[in-house]
Amino acid sequence: MSAEPLLRCQGVVAGYEHPVVGPATFELFRGEVLGLLGSNGAGKSTLIKAITGHARIFQGRLDIAPGIELAHHRQQPVRPAECPLSGYDLVTLTGASRRAPPAEISRLLEGRVDQLSGGQFQILQIWACLGSAAEVVLLDEPTNNLDPATVEALVKLIRQDQAGRTLLVVSHEASFIDAVCSRVVSVSA
């Protein structure tokens, strides 16, 4: 890990019309997989949205190192309805071409995105982030809609993707966070 954090969150209180989460304090360093763990409704996703500029910061300070590119996997990714976009088209559009996808993803590339199951679409979206050139990947509840076998494949994928990659993983599932994260921060409202 480098001495300077890529992301620093100092006493951040965030929300929308009113505060939802905080104060939250943590640092994210290069090569680290940091987990944000908390119960449903604790404000973990709101904290991620504050990092991406989609939620309001009421107090505290959030700093992202200059020039850092973020990839954000949303808790409920939006799937285009009745659109003849293939899985290959999706990963190409998102720039997820830095290496060949694993078998779990390759088999989804030929099919239409609007015809994938919720879990298939979820893992394809996760690959779109992990396969991109972004230096920091934000994964918000990545196990949503995934069956146990796909969760195992995701754990393996995250562990293999650690060539200098930095991840911030949000989940309410402690066993998943423990399986993939090098450090954990608890989040509460």
Protein backbone atom coordinates (compact mmCIF):
# COMPACT_ATOMS: atom_id res chain seq x y z
CA MET A 1 0.00 0.00 0.00
CA SER A 2 1.14 3.52 -0.73
CA ALA A 3 1.64 6.08 2.02
CA GLU A 4 -0.99 8.49 0.65
CA PRO A 5 -4.62 7.35 0.47
CA LEU A 6 -6.48 7.39 -2.84
CA LEU A 7 -9.61 8.35 -0.94
CA ARG A 8 -10.00 9.99 2.46
CA CYS A 9 -13.35 10.31 4.22
CA GLN A 10 -13.13 12.46 7.37
CA GLY A 11 -16.22 12.78 9.55
CA VAL A 12 -18.53 12.71 6.52
CA VAL A 13 -22.24 13.06 7.19
CA ALA A 14 -24.13 12.45 3.96
CA GLY A 15 -27.66 12.14 2.67
CA TYR A 16 -30.14 13.75 0.35
CA GLU A 17 -32.62 16.28 1.77
CA HIS A 18 -31.51 15.24 5.27
CA PRO A 19 -28.48 13.36 6.63
CA VAL A 20 -28.69 9.57 6.33
CA VAL A 21 -25.25 8.34 7.37
CA GLY A 22 -22.31 9.44 9.43
CA PRO A 23 -20.10 10.67 10.65
CA ALA A 24 -17.91 8.23 8.70
CA THR A 25 -14.12 8.28 8.74
CA PHE A 26 -11.79 6.01 6.76
CA GLU A 27 -8.96 6.01 4.22
CA LEU A 28 -8.61 3.82 1.15
CA PHE A 29 -5.10 2.93 -0.01
CA ARG A 30 -3.82 1.62 -3.36
CA GLY A 31 -4.11 -2.16 -3.62
CA GLU A 32 -6.51 -2.44 -0.70
CA VAL A 33 -9.93 -4.10 -0.63
CA LEU A 34 -11.82 -2.14 2.01
CA GLY A 35 -15.22 -3.31 3.19
CA LEU A 36 -18.00 -1.05 4.41
CA LEU A 37 -20.15 -3.29 6.58
CA GLY A 38 -23.48 -2.37 8.11
CA SER A 39 -27.09 -3.40 8.36
CA ASN A 40 -29.64 -2.67 5.67
CA GLY A 41 -30.58 1.01 5.83
CA ALA A 42 -27.38 2.04 7.63
CA GLY A 43 -26.42 4.42 4.79
CA LYS A 44 -23.63 2.45 3.11
CA SER A 45 -24.97 3.11 -0.39
CA THR A 46 -25.51 6.77 0.45
CA LEU A 47 -21.86 6.99 1.45
CA ILE A 48 -20.83 5.49 -1.92
CA LYS A 49 -23.14 7.99 -3.66
CA ALA A 50 -21.44 10.81 -1.76
CA ILE A 51 -18.09 9.58 -3.10
CA THR A 52 -19.46 9.62 -6.66
CA GLY A 53 -21.15 13.01 -6.24
CA HIS A 54 -24.72 11.68 -6.18
CA ALA A 55 -25.47 12.40 -2.53
CA ARG A 56 -25.02 15.55 -0.50
CA ILE A 57 -22.25 15.93 2.08
CA PHE A 58 -23.64 17.87 5.06
CA GLN A 59 -20.41 17.96 7.04
CA GLY A 60 -16.94 16.52 7.02
CA ARG A 61 -14.51 16.24 4.17
CA LEU A 62 -14.12 13.82 1.29
CA ASP A 63 -10.89 13.87 -0.75
CA ILE A 64 -10.10 11.79 -3.82
CA ALA A 65 -6.52 11.81 -5.11
CA PRO A 66 -6.15 13.83 -8.32
CA GLY A 67 -6.62 11.92 -11.57
CA ILE A 68 -8.14 8.82 -9.96
CA GLU A 69 -10.73 7.12 -12.17
CA LEU A 70 -13.63 5.43 -10.37
CA ALA A 71 -15.84 2.58 -11.58
CA HIS A 72 -19.13 2.30 -9.70
CA HIS A 73 -21.25 -0.84 -9.57
CA ARG A 74 -24.61 0.30 -8.24
CA GLN A 75 -26.65 -1.69 -5.77
CA GLN A 76 -29.42 -2.00 -8.35
CA PRO A 77 -27.84 -1.51 -11.77
CA VAL A 78 -30.19 -0.21 -14.44
CA ARG A 79 -30.80 -2.67 -17.25
CA PRO A 80 -31.97 -1.31 -20.60
CA ALA A 81 -35.46 -2.66 -21.32
CA GLU A 82 -35.98 -4.48 -24.62
CA CYS A 83 -32.73 -3.28 -26.07
CA PRO A 84 -30.75 -5.54 -28.42
CA LEU A 85 -27.53 -4.78 -26.56
CA SER A 86 -25.35 -7.86 -26.09
CA GLY A 87 -23.19 -8.58 -23.07
CA TYR A 88 -20.19 -8.04 -25.32
CA ASP A 89 -21.56 -4.61 -26.32
CA LEU A 90 -22.00 -3.68 -22.66
CA VAL A 91 -18.47 -4.57 -21.56
CA THR A 92 -17.04 -2.89 -24.67
CA LEU A 93 -18.98 0.32 -23.96
CA THR A 94 -17.71 0.36 -20.38
CA GLY A 95 -14.11 -0.25 -21.42
CA ALA A 96 -13.86 -3.62 -19.67
CA SER A 97 -11.23 -4.92 -22.01
CA ARG A 98 -8.03 -4.91 -19.95
CA ARG A 99 -8.02 -8.72 -19.87
CA ALA A 100 -10.10 -11.69 -20.96
CA PRO A 101 -13.15 -12.32 -18.78
CA PRO A 102 -13.44 -15.51 -16.73
CA ALA A 103 -15.65 -18.37 -17.95
CA GLU A 104 -18.57 -17.22 -15.77
CA ILE A 105 -18.63 -13.96 -17.74
CA SER A 106 -17.60 -15.20 -21.20
CA ARG A 107 -20.72 -17.32 -21.51
CA LEU A 108 -22.88 -14.20 -20.95
CA LEU A 109 -21.27 -12.03 -23.62
CA GLU A 110 -23.20 -13.35 -26.65
CA GLY A 111 -26.67 -13.06 -25.11
CA ARG A 112 -28.84 -9.96 -25.04
CA VAL A 113 -28.60 -7.98 -21.82
CA ASP A 114 -32.38 -7.60 -21.59
CA GLN A 115 -32.78 -11.39 -21.59
CA LEU A 116 -30.31 -12.18 -18.78
CA SER A 117 -31.51 -13.18 -15.33
CA GLY A 118 -31.03 -10.70 -12.49
CA GLY A 119 -27.96 -12.58 -11.24
CA GLN A 120 -26.44 -12.88 -14.72
CA PHE A 121 -26.89 -9.17 -15.32
CA GLN A 122 -25.43 -8.40 -11.88
CA ILE A 123 -22.21 -10.39 -12.47
CA LEU A 124 -21.86 -8.93 -15.97
CA GLN A 125 -22.13 -5.41 -14.53
CA ILE A 126 -19.55 -6.25 -11.87
CA TRP A 127 -17.18 -7.46 -14.61
CA ALA A 128 -17.80 -4.22 -16.50
CA CYS A 129 -16.31 -2.42 -13.47
CA LEU A 130 -13.56 -4.91 -12.60
CA GLY A 131 -12.54 -5.27 -16.23
CA SER A 132 -12.28 -1.53 -16.75
CA ALA A 133 -9.15 0.58 -16.45
CA ALA A 134 -10.47 2.37 -13.35
CA GLU A 135 -8.00 2.49 -10.47
CA VAL A 136 -10.71 2.39 -7.81
CA VAL A 137 -13.77 0.15 -8.09
CA LEU A 138 -16.79 0.77 -5.88
CA LEU A 139 -18.95 -2.35 -5.51
CA ASP A 140 -22.28 -1.62 -3.82
CA GLU A 141 -23.97 -4.82 -2.57
CA PRO A 142 -22.42 -6.93 -5.34
CA THR A 143 -24.00 -10.18 -4.07
CA ASN A 144 -27.57 -9.00 -4.78
CA ASN A 145 -29.40 -11.51 -6.99
CA LEU A 146 -26.46 -13.94 -6.99
CA ASP A 147 -26.85 -17.62 -6.18
CA PRO A 148 -24.26 -19.23 -3.86
CA ALA A 149 -22.16 -20.62 -6.74
CA THR A 150 -21.95 -17.18 -8.37
CA VAL A 151 -21.06 -15.56 -5.04
CA GLU A 152 -18.16 -18.05 -4.80
CA ALA A 153 -17.11 -17.12 -8.35
CA LEU A 154 -17.28 -13.43 -7.40
CA VAL A 155 -15.08 -14.01 -4.34
CA LYS A 156 -12.54 -15.76 -6.57
CA LEU A 157 -12.75 -12.98 -9.16
CA ILE A 158 -12.11 -10.26 -6.56
CA ARG A 159 -9.20 -12.17 -5.03
CA GLN A 160 -7.61 -12.68 -8.46
CA ASP A 161 -8.10 -9.05 -9.46
CA GLN A 162 -5.62 -7.66 -6.96
CA ALA A 163 -2.86 -6.54 -9.33
CA GLY A 164 -2.63 -3.08 -7.80
CA ARG A 165 -6.42 -2.64 -7.99
CA THR A 166 -8.22 -0.85 -5.20
CA LEU A 167 -11.76 -1.80 -4.20
CA LEU A 168 -14.34 -0.38 -1.84
CA VAL A 169 -16.95 -3.08 -1.21
CA VAL A 170 -20.29 -2.37 0.45
CA SER A 171 -22.31 -5.21 1.95
CA HIS A 172 -24.49 -6.22 4.86
CA GLU A 173 -23.16 -9.79 4.52
CA ALA A 174 -20.30 -10.16 6.99
CA SER A 175 -19.17 -13.52 5.57
CA PHE A 176 -18.74 -12.01 2.07
CA ILE A 177 -16.88 -8.97 3.44
CA ASP A 178 -14.59 -11.26 5.47
CA ALA A 179 -13.89 -13.39 2.39
CA VAL A 180 -12.76 -10.53 0.13
CA CYS A 181 -11.66 -7.56 2.23
CA SER A 182 -8.29 -6.81 3.76
CA ARG A 183 -9.86 -4.30 6.16
CA VAL A 184 -13.41 -3.51 7.32
CA VAL A 185 -15.10 -0.30 8.49
CA SER A 186 -18.51 -0.43 10.19
CA VAL A 187 -21.11 2.03 8.96
CA SER A 188 -24.13 3.20 10.91
CA ALA A 189 -26.79 5.84 10.50
